[in-house]
PDB file of N, CA and C in Angstrom:
ATOM      1  N   MET A   1       5.314  16.725  25.129  1.00  0.00           N
ATOM      2  CA  MET A   1       4.029  15.972  24.745  1.00  0.00           C
ATOM      3  C   MET A   1       3.894  14.793  25.607  1.00  0.00           C
ATOM      4  N   SER A   2       2.622  14.461  25.943  1.00  0.00           N
ATOM      5  CA  SER A   2       2.353  13.442  26.638  1.00  0.00           C
ATOM      6  C   SER A   2       2.585  12.225  25.695  1.00  0.00           C
ATOM      7  N   ASP A   3       2.541  10.913  26.435  1.00  0.00           N
ATOM      8  CA  ASP A   3       2.370   9.774  25.829  1.00  0.00           C
ATOM      9  C   ASP A   3       1.154   9.500  24.889  1.00  0.00           C
ATOM     10  N   ALA A   4       0.074   9.863  25.287  1.00  0.00           N
ATOM     11  CA  ALA A   4      -1.195   9.685  24.612  1.00  0.00           C
ATOM     12  C   ALA A   4      -0.992  10.690  23.448  1.00  0.00           C
ATOM     13  N   ALA A   5      -0.542  11.929  23.572  1.00  0.00           N
ATOM     14  CA  ALA A   5      -0.780  12.672  22.452  1.00  0.00           C
ATOM     15  C   ALA A   5       0.423  12.139  21.317  1.00  0.00           C
ATOM     16  N   THR A   6       1.615  11.787  21.833  1.00  0.00           N
ATOM     17  CA  THR A   6       2.359  11.101  20.705  1.00  0.00           C
ATOM     18  C   THR A   6       1.826  10.006  20.138  1.00  0.00           C
ATOM     19  N   LEU A   7       1.172   9.162  20.759  1.00  0.00           N
ATOM     20  CA  LEU A   7       0.625   7.953  20.370  1.00  0.00           C
ATOM     21  C   LEU A   7      -0.489   8.174  19.192  1.00  0.00           C
ATOM     22  N   ARG A   8      -1.259   9.394  19.711  1.00  0.00           N
ATOM     23  CA  ARG A   8      -2.289   9.817  18.820  1.00  0.00           C
ATOM     24  C   ARG A   8      -1.887  10.401  17.524  1.00  0.00           C
ATOM     25  N   LYS A   9      -0.687  10.905  17.555  1.00  0.00           N
ATOM     26  CA  LYS A   9      -0.193  11.500  16.425  1.00  0.00           C
ATOM     27  C   LYS A   9       0.611  10.578  15.613  1.00  0.00           C
ATOM     28  N   GLN A  10       1.120   9.404  16.325  1.00  0.00           N
ATOM     29  CA  GLN A  10       1.799   8.293  15.361  1.00  0.00           C
ATOM     30  C   GLN A  10       0.663   7.468  14.578  1.00  0.00           C
ATOM     31  N   LEU A  11      -0.445   7.474  15.343  1.00  0.00           N
ATOM     32  CA  LEU A  11      -1.721   6.532  14.869  1.00  0.00           C
ATOM     33  C   LEU A  11      -2.101   7.455  13.552  1.00  0.00           C
ATOM     34  N   LYS A  12      -2.159   8.756  13.641  1.00  0.00           N
ATOM     35  CA  LYS A  12      -2.549   9.618  12.404  1.00  0.00           C
ATOM     36  C   LYS A  12      -1.585   9.515  11.267  1.00  0.00           C
ATOM     37  N   ILE A  13      -0.147   9.493  11.648  1.00  0.00           N
ATOM     38  CA  ILE A  13       0.847   9.422  10.729  1.00  0.00           C
ATOM     39  C   ILE A  13       0.905   7.867   9.899  1.00  0.00           C
ATOM     40  N   LYS A  14       0.820   7.225  10.707  1.00  0.00           N
ATOM     41  CA  LYS A  14       0.846   5.520  10.192  1.00  0.00           C
ATOM     42  C   LYS A  14      -0.233   5.319   9.390  1.00  0.00           C
ATOM     43  N   SER A  15      -1.429   5.795   9.610  1.00  0.00           N
ATOM     44  CA  SER A  15      -2.748   5.462   9.008  1.00  0.00           C
ATOM     45  C   SER A  15      -2.606   6.040   7.891  1.00  0.00           C
ATOM     46  N   GLY A  16      -2.069   7.555   7.624  1.00  0.00           N
ATOM     47  CA  GLY A  16      -1.938   8.033   6.179  1.00  0.00           C
ATOM     48  C   GLY A  16      -0.959   7.391   5.513  1.00  0.00           C
ATOM     49  N   SER A  17       0.096   6.961   5.956  1.00  0.00           N
ATOM     50  CA  SER A  17       1.082   6.003   5.216  1.00  0.00           C
ATOM     51  C   SER A  17       0.579   4.765   4.653  1.00  0.00           C
ATOM     52  N   ALA A  18      -0.134   4.202   5.516  1.00  0.00           N
ATOM     53  CA  ALA A  18      -0.679   2.843   5.093  1.00  0.00           C
ATOM     54  C   ALA A  18      -1.717   3.084   3.807  1.00  0.00           C
ATOM     55  N   LYS A  19      -2.567   4.212   4.143  1.00  0.00           N
ATOM     56  CA  LYS A  19      -3.538   4.435   2.945  1.00  0.00           C
ATOM     57  C   LYS A  19      -2.941   4.779   1.572  1.00  0.00           C
ATOM     58  N   ARG A  20      -1.792   5.544   1.917  1.00  0.00           N
ATOM     59  CA  ARG A  20      -1.114   6.129   0.788  1.00  0.00           C
ATOM     60  C   ARG A  20      -0.160   4.778  -0.177  1.00  0.00           C
ATOM     61  N   LEU A  21       0.299   4.110   0.751  1.00  0.00           N
ATOM     62  CA  LEU A  21       1.033   2.757   0.235  1.00  0.00           C
ATOM     63  C   LEU A  21      -0.036   1.856  -0.573  1.00  0.00           C
ATOM     64  N   TYR A  22      -1.276   1.640   0.274  1.00  0.00           N
ATOM     65  CA  TYR A  22      -2.176   0.842  -0.397  1.00  0.00           C
ATOM     66  C   TYR A  22      -2.450   1.202  -1.659  1.00  0.00           C
ATOM     67  N   LYS A  23      -2.862   2.496  -1.739  1.00  0.00           N
ATOM     68  CA  LYS A  23      -3.121   3.060  -3.247  1.00  0.00           C
ATOM     69  C   LYS A  23      -2.039   2.960  -4.182  1.00  0.00           C
ATOM     70  N   GLU A  24      -0.892   3.060  -3.687  1.00  0.00           N
ATOM     71  CA  GLU A  24       0.322   3.009  -4.621  1.00  0.00           C
ATOM     72  C   GLU A  24       0.306   1.387  -5.005  1.00  0.00           C
ATOM     73  N   HIS A  25       0.164   0.669  -4.015  1.00  0.00           N
ATOM     74  CA  HIS A  25       0.203  -0.876  -4.617  1.00  0.00           C
ATOM     75  C   HIS A  25      -0.772  -1.241  -5.620  1.00  0.00           C
ATOM     76  N   ARG A  26      -2.159  -0.711  -5.358  1.00  0.00           N
ATOM     77  CA  ARG A  26      -3.138  -1.024  -6.349  1.00  0.00           C
ATOM     78  C   ARG A  26      -2.949  -0.295  -7.697  1.00  0.00           C
ATOM     79  N   LEU A  27      -2.399   0.831  -7.684  1.00  0.00           N
ATOM     80  CA  LEU A  27      -2.019   1.526  -8.912  1.00  0.00           C
ATOM     81  C   LEU A  27      -1.043   0.550  -9.843  1.00  0.00           C
ATOM     82  N   TYR A  28       0.020   0.211  -9.304  1.00  0.00           N
ATOM     83  CA  TYR A  28       0.934  -0.760  -9.674  1.00  0.00           C
ATOM     84  C   TYR A  28       0.250  -2.150 -10.334  1.00  0.00           C
ATOM     85  N   GLN A  29      -0.695  -2.656  -9.616  1.00  0.00           N
ATOM     86  CA  GLN A  29      -1.218  -3.803  -9.818  1.00  0.00           C
ATOM     87  C   GLN A  29      -2.115  -3.738 -11.226  1.00  0.00           C
ATOM     88  N   LYS A  30      -2.685  -2.340 -11.176  1.00  0.00           N
ATOM     89  CA  LYS A  30      -3.517  -2.150 -12.536  1.00  0.00           C
ATOM     90  C   LYS A  30      -2.616  -1.764 -13.611  1.00  0.00           C
ATOM     91  N   GLU A  31      -1.542  -1.166 -13.252  1.00  0.00           N
ATOM     92  CA  GLU A  31      -0.836  -0.790 -14.472  1.00  0.00           C
ATOM     93  C   GLU A  31       0.003  -2.225 -15.141  1.00  0.00           C
ATOM     94  N   GLU A  32       0.167  -3.201 -14.014  1.00  0.00           N
ATOM     95  CA  GLU A  32       0.641  -4.446 -14.669  1.00  0.00           C
ATOM     96  C   GLU A  32      -0.395  -5.205 -15.375  1.00  0.00           C
ATOM     97  N   GLU A  33      -1.642  -5.145 -15.128  1.00  0.00           N
ATOM     98  CA  GLU A  33      -2.695  -5.770 -15.890  1.00  0.00           C
ATOM     99  C   GLU A  33      -2.850  -5.066 -17.186  1.00  0.00           C
ATOM    100  N   ASP A  34      -2.965  -3.731 -17.152  1.00  0.00           N
ATOM    101  CA  ASP A  34      -2.894  -2.873 -18.455  1.00  0.00           C
ATOM    102  C   ASP A  34      -1.888  -3.330 -19.494  1.00  0.00           C
ATOM    103  N   LEU A  35      -0.442  -3.256 -18.774  1.00  0.00           N
ATOM    104  CA  LEU A  35       0.603  -3.770 -19.922  1.00  0.00           C
ATOM    105  C   LEU A  35       0.506  -5.113 -20.245  1.00  0.00           C
ATOM    106  N   LYS A  36      -0.108  -6.065 -19.589  1.00  0.00           N
ATOM    107  CA  LYS A  36      -0.132  -7.454 -20.036  1.00  0.00           C
ATOM    108  C   LYS A  36      -1.111  -7.502 -21.064  1.00  0.00           C
ATOM    109  N   ARG A  37      -2.230  -6.708 -21.097  1.00  0.00           N
ATOM    110  CA  ARG A  37      -3.220  -6.866 -22.058  1.00  0.00           C
ATOM    111  C   ARG A  37      -2.760  -6.209 -23.239  1.00  0.00           C
ATOM    112  N   LYS A  38      -1.998  -4.958 -23.147  1.00  0.00           N
ATOM    113  CA  LYS A  38      -0.967  -4.426 -24.294  1.00  0.00           C
ATOM    114  C   LYS A  38      -0.210  -5.179 -24.831  1.00  0.00           C
ATOM    115  N   LEU A  39       0.595  -6.096 -23.958  1.00  0.00           N
ATOM    116  CA  LEU A  39       1.654  -6.968 -24.584  1.00  0.00           C
ATOM    117  C   LEU A  39       1.073  -7.981 -25.414  1.00  0.00           C
ATOM    118  N   ASP A  40      -0.259  -8.522 -24.688  1.00  0.00           N
ATOM    119  CA  ASP A  40      -0.837  -9.394 -25.671  1.00  0.00           C
ATOM    120  C   ASP A  40      -1.523  -9.196 -26.916  1.00  0.00           C
ATOM    121  N   GLN A  41      -1.805  -7.901 -26.893  1.00  0.00           N
ATOM    122  CA  GLN A  41      -2.345  -7.187 -28.267  1.00  0.00           C
ATOM    123  C   GLN A  41      -1.210  -6.761 -29.095  1.00  0.00           C
ATOM    124  N   TYR A  42       0.013  -6.466 -28.603  1.00  0.00           N
ATOM    125  CA  TYR A  42       1.149  -6.273 -29.565  1.00  0.00           C
ATOM    126  C   TYR A  42       1.416  -7.809 -30.258  1.00  0.00           C
ATOM    127  N   VAL A  43       1.504  -8.788 -29.461  1.00  0.00           N
ATOM    128  CA  VAL A  43       2.019  -9.988 -29.792  1.00  0.00           C
ATOM    129  C   VAL A  43       0.799 -10.542 -30.997  1.00  0.00           C
ATOM    130  N   ALA A  44      -0.319 -10.369 -30.650  1.00  0.00           N
ATOM    131  CA  ALA A  44      -1.580 -10.880 -31.490  1.00  0.00           C
ATOM    132  C   ALA A  44      -1.429 -10.053 -32.963  1.00  0.00           C
ATOM    133  N   ASP A  45      -1.009  -8.779 -32.929  1.00  0.00           N
ATOM    134  CA  ASP A  45      -0.908  -7.765 -34.255  1.00  0.00           C
ATOM    135  C   ASP A  45       0.207  -7.974 -34.787  1.00  0.00           C
ATOM    136  N   ASN A  46       1.230  -8.865 -34.246  1.00  0.00           N
ATOM    137  CA  ASN A  46       2.652  -8.725 -34.997  1.00  0.00           C
ATOM    138  C   ASN A  46       3.239  -7.550 -34.842  1.00  0.00           C
ATOM    139  N   ALA A  47       3.287  -6.662 -33.818  1.00  0.00           N
ATOM    140  CA  ALA A  47       3.553  -5.428 -33.710  1.00  0.00           C
ATOM    141  C   ALA A  47       5.412  -5.486 -33.893  1.00  0.00           C
ATOM    142  N   GLU A  48       5.775  -4.281 -33.897  1.00  0.00           N
ATOM    143  CA  GLU A  48       7.218  -4.165 -34.011  1.00  0.00           C
ATOM    144  C   GLU A  48       7.948  -4.897 -32.951  1.00  0.00           C
ATOM    145  N   GLU A  49       9.236  -5.216 -33.121  1.00  0.00           N
ATOM    146  CA  GLU A  49       9.920  -6.023 -32.064  1.00  0.00           C
ATOM    147  C   GLU A  49      10.132  -5.020 -30.971  1.00  0.00           C
ATOM    148  N   TRP A  50      10.452  -3.656 -31.331  1.00  0.00           N
ATOM    149  CA  TRP A  50      10.882  -2.807 -30.369  1.00  0.00           C
ATOM    150  C   TRP A  50       9.707  -2.371 -29.267  1.00  0.00           C
ATOM    151  N   ASP A  51       8.539  -2.545 -29.939  1.00  0.00           N
ATOM    152  CA  ASP A  51       7.248  -2.368 -29.095  1.00  0.00           C
ATOM    153  C   ASP A  51       6.988  -3.316 -27.946  1.00  0.00           C
ATOM    154  N   VAL A  52       7.225  -4.767 -28.487  1.00  0.00           N
ATOM    155  CA  VAL A  52       6.943  -5.813 -27.721  1.00  0.00           C
ATOM    156  C   VAL A  52       8.302  -5.832 -26.588  1.00  0.00           C
ATOM    157  N   LYS A  53       9.281  -5.706 -26.955  1.00  0.00           N
ATOM    158  CA  LYS A  53      10.617  -5.820 -26.140  1.00  0.00           C
ATOM    159  C   LYS A  53      10.483  -4.599 -25.022  1.00  0.00           C
ATOM    160  N   ASN A  54       9.882  -3.411 -25.273  1.00  0.00           N
ATOM    161  CA  ASN A  54       9.919  -2.364 -24.528  1.00  0.00           C
ATOM    162  C   ASN A  54       8.771  -2.669 -23.437  1.00  0.00           C
ATOM    163  N   THR A  55       7.579  -3.202 -23.837  1.00  0.00           N
ATOM    164  CA  THR A  55       6.284  -3.420 -22.946  1.00  0.00           C
ATOM    165  C   THR A  55       6.962  -4.460 -21.976  1.00  0.00           C
ATOM    166  N   ARG A  56       7.570  -5.626 -22.561  1.00  0.00           N
ATOM    167  CA  ARG A  56       8.267  -6.569 -21.779  1.00  0.00           C
ATOM    168  C   ARG A  56       9.068  -5.881 -20.561  1.00  0.00           C
ATOM    169  N   ARG A  57       9.765  -4.924 -20.880  1.00  0.00           N
ATOM    170  CA  ARG A  57      10.701  -4.373 -20.053  1.00  0.00           C
ATOM    171  C   ARG A  57       9.706  -3.509 -18.873  1.00  0.00           C
ATOM    172  N   MET A  58       8.851  -2.740 -19.355  1.00  0.00           N
ATOM    173  CA  MET A  58       7.867  -2.126 -18.426  1.00  0.00           C
ATOM    174  C   MET A  58       7.160  -3.078 -17.602  1.00  0.00           C
ATOM    175  N   LEU A  59       6.629  -4.231 -18.085  1.00  0.00           N
ATOM    176  CA  LEU A  59       6.046  -5.177 -17.196  1.00  0.00           C
ATOM    177  C   LEU A  59       6.658  -5.783 -16.154  1.00  0.00           C
ATOM    178  N   GLU A  60       8.077  -5.957 -16.476  1.00  0.00           N
ATOM    179  CA  GLU A  60       8.952  -6.507 -15.461  1.00  0.00           C
ATOM    180  C   GLU A  60       9.287  -5.646 -14.511  1.00  0.00           C
ATOM    181  N   GLU A  61       9.304  -4.406 -14.882  1.00  0.00           N
ATOM    182  CA  GLU A  61       9.651  -3.233 -13.968  1.00  0.00           C
ATOM    183  C   GLU A  61       8.493  -2.910 -12.865  1.00  0.00           C
ATOM    184  N   SER A  62       7.191  -3.200 -13.401  1.00  0.00           N
ATOM    185  CA  SER A  62       6.043  -3.120 -12.656  1.00  0.00           C
ATOM    186  C   SER A  62       6.001  -4.324 -11.564  1.00  0.00           C
ATOM    187  N   GLY A  63       6.404  -5.292 -12.070  1.00  0.00           N
ATOM    188  CA  GLY A  63       6.456  -6.589 -11.146  1.00  0.00           C
ATOM    189  C   GLY A  63       7.408  -6.254 -10.020  1.00  0.00           C
ATOM    190  N   LYS A  64       8.648  -5.538 -10.259  1.00  0.00           N
ATOM    191  CA  LYS A  64       9.251  -5.265  -9.238  1.00  0.00           C
ATOM    192  C   LYS A  64       8.785  -4.266  -8.086  1.00  0.00           C
ATOM    193  N   MET A  65       8.105  -3.365  -8.771  1.00  0.00           N
ATOM    194  CA  MET A  65       7.360  -2.314  -7.999  1.00  0.00           C
ATOM    195  C   MET A  65       6.528  -2.743  -7.125  1.00  0.00           C
ATOM    196  N   ILE A  66       5.474  -3.563  -7.637  1.00  0.00           N
ATOM    197  CA  ILE A  66       4.599  -4.399  -6.886  1.00  0.00           C
ATOM    198  C   ILE A  66       5.236  -5.142  -5.677  1.00  0.00           C
ATOM    199  N   THR A  67       6.173  -6.003  -5.870  1.00  0.00           N
ATOM    200  CA  THR A  67       7.002  -6.436  -4.807  1.00  0.00           C
ATOM    201  C   THR A  67       7.370  -5.590  -3.716  1.00  0.00           C
ATOM    202  N   ASP A  68       7.921  -4.473  -4.270  1.00  0.00           N
ATOM    203  CA  ASP A  68       8.561  -3.307  -3.116  1.00  0.00           C
ATOM    204  C   ASP A  68       7.404  -2.609  -2.764  1.00  0.00           C
ATOM    205  N   SER A  69       6.381  -2.253  -3.119  1.00  0.00           N
ATOM    206  CA  SER A  69       5.415  -1.558  -2.419  1.00  0.00           C
ATOM    207  C   SER A  69       4.516  -2.572  -1.515  1.00  0.00           C
ATOM    208  N   ALA A  70       4.414  -3.769  -2.051  1.00  0.00           N
ATOM    209  CA  ALA A  70       3.800  -4.858  -0.770  1.00  0.00           C
ATOM    210  C   ALA A  70       4.674  -4.928   0.342  1.00  0.00           C
ATOM    211  N   SER A  71       6.126  -5.052   0.202  1.00  0.00           N
ATOM    212  CA  SER A  71       7.018  -5.127   1.332  1.00  0.00           C
ATOM    213  C   SER A  71       6.850  -3.766   2.268  1.00  0.00           C
ATOM    214  N   ARG A  72       6.580  -2.594   1.615  1.00  0.00           N
ATOM    215  CA  ARG A  72       6.837  -1.414   2.478  1.00  0.00           C
ATOM    216  C   ARG A  72       5.241  -1.249   3.063  1.00  0.00           C
ATOM    217  N   LEU A  73       4.245  -1.673   2.335  1.00  0.00           N
ATOM    218  CA  LEU A  73       2.876  -1.710   2.881  1.00  0.00           C
ATOM    219  C   LEU A  73       2.914  -2.564   4.066  1.00  0.00           C
ATOM    220  N   GLY A  74       3.532  -3.553   3.947  1.00  0.00           N
ATOM    221  CA  GLY A  74       3.397  -4.754   5.213  1.00  0.00           C
ATOM    222  C   GLY A  74       4.188  -4.242   6.267  1.00  0.00           C
ATOM    223  N   ALA A  75       5.313  -3.600   6.168  1.00  0.00           N
ATOM    224  CA  ALA A  75       6.043  -3.012   7.168  1.00  0.00           C
ATOM    225  C   ALA A  75       5.065  -1.938   7.965  1.00  0.00           C
ATOM    226  N   VAL A  76       4.503  -1.040   7.219  1.00  0.00           N
ATOM    227  CA  VAL A  76       3.715   0.120   7.865  1.00  0.00           C
ATOM    228  C   VAL A  76       2.433  -0.580   8.515  1.00  0.00           C
ATOM    229  N   VAL A  77       1.923  -1.518   7.810  1.00  0.00           N
ATOM    230  CA  VAL A  77       0.881  -2.229   8.480  1.00  0.00           C
ATOM    231  C   VAL A  77       1.207  -2.778   9.722  1.00  0.00           C
ATOM    232  N   GLN A  78       2.090  -3.458   9.816  1.00  0.00           N
ATOM    233  CA  GLN A  78       2.588  -4.137  11.270  1.00  0.00           C
ATOM    234  C   GLN A  78       2.961  -3.056  12.214  1.00  0.00           C
ATOM    235  N   GLU A  79       3.598  -1.677  11.875  1.00  0.00           N
ATOM    236  CA  GLU A  79       3.767  -0.820  12.775  1.00  0.00           C
ATOM    237  C   GLU A  79       2.499  -0.135  13.394  1.00  0.00           C
ATOM    238  N   LEU A  80       1.571  -0.040  12.407  1.00  0.00           N
ATOM    239  CA  LEU A  80       0.064   0.445  12.667  1.00  0.00           C
ATOM    240  C   LEU A  80      -0.513  -0.354  13.769  1.00  0.00           C
ATOM    241  N   ARG A  81      -0.491  -1.901  13.479  1.00  0.00           N
ATOM    242  CA  ARG A  81      -1.156  -2.678  14.324  1.00  0.00           C
ATOM    243  C   ARG A  81      -0.453  -2.652  15.664  1.00  0.00           C
ATOM    244  N   GLU A  82       0.710  -2.328  15.811  1.00  0.00           N
ATOM    245  CA  GLU A  82       1.465  -2.268  17.072  1.00  0.00           C
ATOM    246  C   GLU A  82       0.855  -1.034  18.008  1.00  0.00           C
ATOM    247  N   LEU A  83       0.885  -0.003  17.229  1.00  0.00           N
ATOM    248  CA  LEU A  83       0.378   1.254  17.643  1.00  0.00           C
ATOM    249  C   LEU A  83      -1.147   1.053  18.115  1.00  0.00           C
ATOM    250  N   VAL A  84      -1.998   0.606  17.395  1.00  0.00           N
ATOM    251  CA  VAL A  84      -3.316   0.314  17.858  1.00  0.00           C
ATOM    252  C   VAL A  84      -3.445  -0.563  19.097  1.00  0.00           C
ATOM    253  N   VAL A  85      -2.634  -1.557  19.343  1.00  0.00           N
ATOM    254  CA  VAL A  85      -2.461  -2.299  20.391  1.00  0.00           C
ATOM    255  C   VAL A  85      -2.134  -1.442  21.585  1.00  0.00           C
ATOM    256  N   ALA A  86      -1.058  -0.657  21.379  1.00  0.00           N
ATOM    257  CA  ALA A  86      -0.446   0.290  22.510  1.00  0.00           C
ATOM    258  C   ALA A  86      -1.623   1.350  22.714  1.00  0.00           C
ATOM    259  N   ALA A  87      -2.237   1.887  21.859  1.00  0.00           N
ATOM    260  CA  ALA A  87      -3.565   2.663  22.061  1.00  0.00           C
ATOM    261  C   ALA A  87      -4.596   2.177  22.856  1.00  0.00           C
ATOM    262  N   GLU A  88      -5.018   0.909  22.399  1.00  0.00           N
ATOM    263  CA  GLU A  88      -6.037   0.421  23.096  1.00  0.00           C
ATOM    264  C   GLU A  88      -5.781  -0.065  24.466  1.00  0.00           C
ATOM    265  N   GLN A  89      -4.480  -0.244  25.088  1.00  0.00           N
ATOM    266  CA  GLN A  89      -4.126  -0.539  26.412  1.00  0.00           C
ATOM    267  C   GLN A  89      -4.132   0.883  27.271  1.00  0.00           C
ATOM    268  N   ASP A  90      -4.100   2.048  26.628  1.00  0.00           N
ATOM    269  CA  ASP A  90      -4.046   3.359  27.232  1.00  0.00           C
ATOM    270  C   ASP A  90      -5.501   3.976  27.360  1.00  0.00           C
ATOM    271  N   ALA A  91      -5.985   3.881  28.533  1.00  0.00           N
ATOM    272  CA  ALA A  91      -7.498   4.243  29.030  1.00  0.00           C
ATOM    273  C   ALA A  91      -7.821   5.684  28.504  1.00  0.00           C
ATOM    274  N   GLU A  92      -6.864   6.633  28.142  1.00  0.00           N
ATOM    275  CA  GLU A  92      -7.108   7.744  27.726  1.00  0.00           C
ATOM    276  C   GLU A  92      -7.499   7.793  26.071  1.00  0.00           C
ATOM    277  N   LEU A  93      -6.854   6.820  25.723  1.00  0.00           N
ATOM    278  CA  LEU A  93      -7.071   6.453  24.047  1.00  0.00           C
ATOM    279  C   LEU A  93      -8.169   5.652  23.729  1.00  0.00           C
ATOM    280  N   ALA A  94      -8.663   4.930  24.635  1.00  0.00           N
ATOM    281  CA  ALA A  94      -9.383   3.718  24.178  1.00  0.00           C
ATOM    282  C   ALA A  94     -10.598   3.840  23.407  1.00  0.00           C
ATOM    283  N   GLN A  95     -11.166   5.242  23.582  1.00  0.00           N
ATOM    284  CA  GLN A  95     -12.351   5.284  22.580  1.00  0.00           C
ATOM    285  C   GLN A  95     -12.036   6.480  21.727  1.00  0.00           C
ATOM    286  N   ASP A  96     -10.693   6.709  21.514  1.00  0.00           N
ATOM    287  CA  ASP A  96     -10.130   7.992  20.728  1.00  0.00           C
ATOM    288  C   ASP A  96     -10.603   7.786  19.246  1.00  0.00           C
ATOM    289  N   GLU A  97     -10.806   9.198  18.230  1.00  0.00           N
ATOM    290  CA  GLU A  97     -11.224   9.192  17.113  1.00  0.00           C
ATOM    291  C   GLU A  97     -10.262   8.635  16.257  1.00  0.00           C
ATOM    292  N   GLU A  98      -8.862   8.994  16.598  1.00  0.00           N
ATOM    293  CA  GLU A  98      -7.797   8.520  15.737  1.00  0.00           C
ATOM    294  C   GLU A  98      -7.556   7.008  15.889  1.00  0.00           C
ATOM    295  N   LEU A  99      -7.773   6.519  16.877  1.00  0.00           N
ATOM    296  CA  LEU A  99      -7.634   4.970  17.103  1.00  0.00           C
ATOM    297  C   LEU A  99      -9.006   4.232  16.199  1.00  0.00           C
ATOM    298  N   MET A 100      -9.894   4.848  16.360  1.00  0.00           N
ATOM    299  CA  MET A 100     -11.178   4.208  15.460  1.00  0.00           C
ATOM    300  C   MET A 100     -10.827   4.508  14.037  1.00  0.00           C
ATOM    301  N   LYS A 101     -10.235   5.443  13.357  1.00  0.00           N
ATOM    302  CA  LYS A 101      -9.769   5.513  12.097  1.00  0.00           C
ATOM    303  C   LYS A 101      -8.652   4.804  11.732  1.00  0.00           C
ATOM    304  N   ALA A 102      -7.675   4.414  12.679  1.00  0.00           N
ATOM    305  CA  ALA A 102      -6.549   3.469  12.381  1.00  0.00           C
ATOM    306  C   ALA A 102      -7.252   1.971  12.321  1.00  0.00           C
ATOM    307  N   LYS A 103      -8.133   1.859  13.128  1.00  0.00           N
ATOM    308  CA  LYS A 103      -8.687   0.383  12.904  1.00  0.00           C
ATOM    309  C   LYS A 103      -9.477   0.190  11.523  1.00  0.00           C
ATOM    310  N   GLU A 104     -10.193   1.359  11.240  1.00  0.00           N
ATOM    311  CA  GLU A 104     -10.707   1.347   9.886  1.00  0.00           C
ATOM    312  C   GLU A 104      -9.775   0.998   8.673  1.00  0.00           C
ATOM    313  N   THR A 105      -8.543   1.925   8.975  1.00  0.00           N
ATOM    314  CA  THR A 105      -7.464   1.935   7.885  1.00  0.00           C
ATOM    315  C   THR A 105      -6.894   0.505   7.726  1.00  0.00           C
ATOM    316  N   LEU A 106      -6.721  -0.212   9.096  1.00  0.00           N
ATOM    317  CA  LEU A 106      -6.141  -1.700   8.964  1.00  0.00           C
ATOM    318  C   LEU A 106      -7.053  -2.600   8.233  1.00  0.00           C
ATOM    319  N   GLU A 107      -8.403  -2.511   8.572  1.00  0.00           N
ATOM    320  CA  GLU A 107      -9.354  -3.456   7.878  1.00  0.00           C
ATOM    321  C   GLU A 107      -9.376  -3.167   6.420  1.00  0.00           C
ATOM    322  N   GLU A 108      -9.078  -1.920   6.017  1.00  0.00           N
ATOM    323  CA  GLU A 108      -9.194  -1.340   4.547  1.00  0.00           C
ATOM    324  C   GLU A 108      -7.814  -2.020   3.777  1.00  0.00           C
ATOM    325  N   VAL A 109      -6.741  -1.922   4.385  1.00  0.00           N
ATOM    326  CA  VAL A 109      -5.469  -2.093   3.782  1.00  0.00           C
ATOM    327  C   VAL A 109      -5.052  -3.424   3.808  1.00  0.00           C
ATOM    328  N   SER A 110      -5.343  -4.253   4.769  1.00  0.00           N
ATOM    329  CA  SER A 110      -5.023  -5.872   4.931  1.00  0.00           C
ATOM    330  C   SER A 110      -5.080  -6.517   3.562  1.00  0.00           C
ATOM    331  N   VAL A 111      -3.819  -6.803   3.142  1.00  0.00           N
ATOM    332  CA  VAL A 111      -3.870  -7.564   1.791  1.00  0.00           C
ATOM    333  C   VAL A 111      -3.717  -9.085   1.994  1.00  0.00           C
TER     334      VAL A 111
END
């Protein structure tokens, strides 16, 4: 496989990974917001101690997952940027569809 074909394939793979990780990151952020609302409601309603404690534990776990997904997303975005720079320097890929898609993905997922 030529370098251009390998680079094209890697652009497609890393773009897909970046989109998936961005979606995952957003889902964890939404979950955290929902759990905060739920916890506030439990506290306001004087809910059972177990419900409050369990929701706090889930909220803490969501916070850890946000941190983890953000670091994984950052690593993939950095790798994708490097691939885009390499592809732009390759005359064969300068106007390639995968390169354009990768640039769009970078704009989409930049946190």
